[in-house]
Amino acid sequence: MAKSKQEIIADINSFIKKGGGGYRAWYVGITSGAKARLAEHKAKVWWIFKTAISSQVAREIEDHFVNSCKTDGGTGGGDETATKVYAYKKAPHTDP
């Protein structure tokens, strides 16, 4: 079920606080296939994804975390089907 921008930001913030390490220890991105994308990043333990109401909202959430909170990740990826916002705690085995 799709969530609002504020709900997703709150959910991811809560998850990051639980996982620890501060924002710089985390990667945030958007995709249309979250589980496959997390597997590509080799994220195995501390990960989360939420479905936004649109790709525009997903991009706004990604921008919030990458540019305001300073998580790892980049903006501008994905396409109009990229409504999943994902985050994972970086580790020696993840890419990046």
Protein backbone atom coordinates (compact mmCIF):
# COMPACT_ATOMS: atom_id res chain seq x y z
CA MET A 1 0.00 0.00 0.00
CA ALA A 2 1.33 3.43 -0.95
CA LYS A 3 2.17 5.86 1.84
CA SER A 4 2.46 9.63 1.97
CA LYS A 5 5.76 11.48 1.80
CA GLN A 6 5.64 12.32 5.51
CA GLU A 7 4.81 8.75 6.52
CA ILE A 8 7.69 7.30 4.50
CA ILE A 9 10.19 9.85 5.80
CA ALA A 10 9.07 9.08 9.37
CA ASP A 11 9.28 5.30 8.79
CA ILE A 12 12.77 5.49 7.28
CA ASN A 13 13.99 7.93 9.95
CA SER A 14 12.76 5.56 12.66
CA PHE A 15 14.45 2.60 10.97
CA ILE A 16 17.75 4.47 10.63
CA LYS A 17 17.67 5.46 14.30
CA LYS A 18 17.01 1.83 15.26
CA GLY A 19 19.83 0.60 13.00
CA GLY A 20 22.27 3.22 14.25
CA GLY A 21 25.36 4.69 12.70
CA GLY A 22 23.88 8.04 11.70
CA TYR A 23 22.69 9.04 8.24
CA ARG A 24 26.11 8.77 6.58
CA ALA A 25 26.12 5.03 7.34
CA TRP A 26 23.04 4.54 5.16
CA TYR A 27 22.21 4.44 1.45
CA VAL A 28 18.84 5.64 0.14
CA GLY A 29 17.53 5.15 -3.39
CA ILE A 30 14.43 4.66 -5.52
CA THR A 31 13.44 1.84 -7.83
CA SER A 32 10.48 -0.02 -9.28
CA GLY A 33 11.77 -3.36 -7.93
CA ALA A 34 13.00 -2.94 -4.37
CA LYS A 35 13.94 -6.53 -3.52
CA ALA A 36 15.94 -6.96 -6.72
CA ARG A 37 17.68 -3.61 -6.23
CA LEU A 38 18.54 -4.43 -2.61
CA ALA A 39 20.00 -7.75 -3.80
CA GLU A 40 22.13 -5.87 -6.37
CA HIS A 41 23.47 -3.72 -3.52
CA LYS A 42 24.10 -6.93 -1.53
CA ALA A 43 22.03 -5.56 1.38
CA LYS A 44 21.34 -8.53 3.64
CA VAL A 45 20.42 -7.33 7.12
CA TRP A 46 19.38 -3.73 7.82
CA TRP A 47 17.12 -2.70 4.94
CA ILE A 48 13.68 -1.22 4.42
CA PHE A 49 11.54 -0.13 1.52
CA LYS A 50 8.25 1.74 1.26
CA THR A 51 5.97 2.47 -1.69
CA ALA A 52 5.29 6.14 -2.42
CA ILE A 53 2.12 7.39 -4.08
CA SER A 54 4.08 8.43 -7.19
CA SER A 55 7.58 8.47 -8.64
CA GLN A 56 7.69 12.24 -8.05
CA VAL A 57 7.04 11.73 -4.33
CA ALA A 58 9.65 8.95 -4.24
CA ARG A 59 12.18 11.36 -5.81
CA GLU A 60 11.33 14.03 -3.23
CA ILE A 61 11.92 11.55 -0.41
CA GLU A 62 15.20 10.38 -1.95
CA ASP A 63 16.29 14.02 -2.34
CA HIS A 64 15.43 14.69 1.32
CA PHE A 65 17.63 11.88 2.57
CA VAL A 66 20.52 12.30 0.12
CA ASN A 67 20.79 16.09 0.09
CA SER A 68 19.36 17.19 3.45
CA CYS A 69 20.28 14.26 5.71
CA LYS A 70 23.47 13.38 3.79
CA THR A 71 22.86 9.67 3.33
CA ASP A 72 24.76 7.96 0.54
CA GLY A 73 22.93 7.62 -2.75
CA GLY A 74 22.28 9.74 -5.78
CA THR A 75 19.31 11.54 -7.19
CA GLY A 76 18.10 11.38 -10.77
CA GLY A 77 17.94 7.61 -11.18
CA GLY A 78 14.95 5.45 -11.91
CA ASP A 79 12.06 6.21 -14.23
CA GLU A 80 8.36 6.98 -13.89
CA THR A 81 7.73 3.50 -12.44
CA ALA A 82 10.21 4.04 -9.58
CA THR A 83 7.83 4.41 -6.65
CA LYS A 84 9.74 2.30 -4.10
CA VAL A 85 12.04 4.18 -1.71
CA TYR A 86 14.63 1.91 -0.13
CA ALA A 87 17.31 2.31 2.48
CA TYR A 88 20.00 0.02 3.80
CA LYS A 89 22.83 0.26 6.27
CA LYS A 90 26.12 0.10 4.45
CA ALA A 91 28.53 -2.65 5.45
CA PRO A 92 31.81 -4.06 4.10
CA HIS A 93 29.84 -6.52 1.90
CA THR A 94 27.38 -3.97 0.41
CA ASP A 95 27.84 -2.14 -2.88
CA PRO A 96 28.37 0.66 -2.00
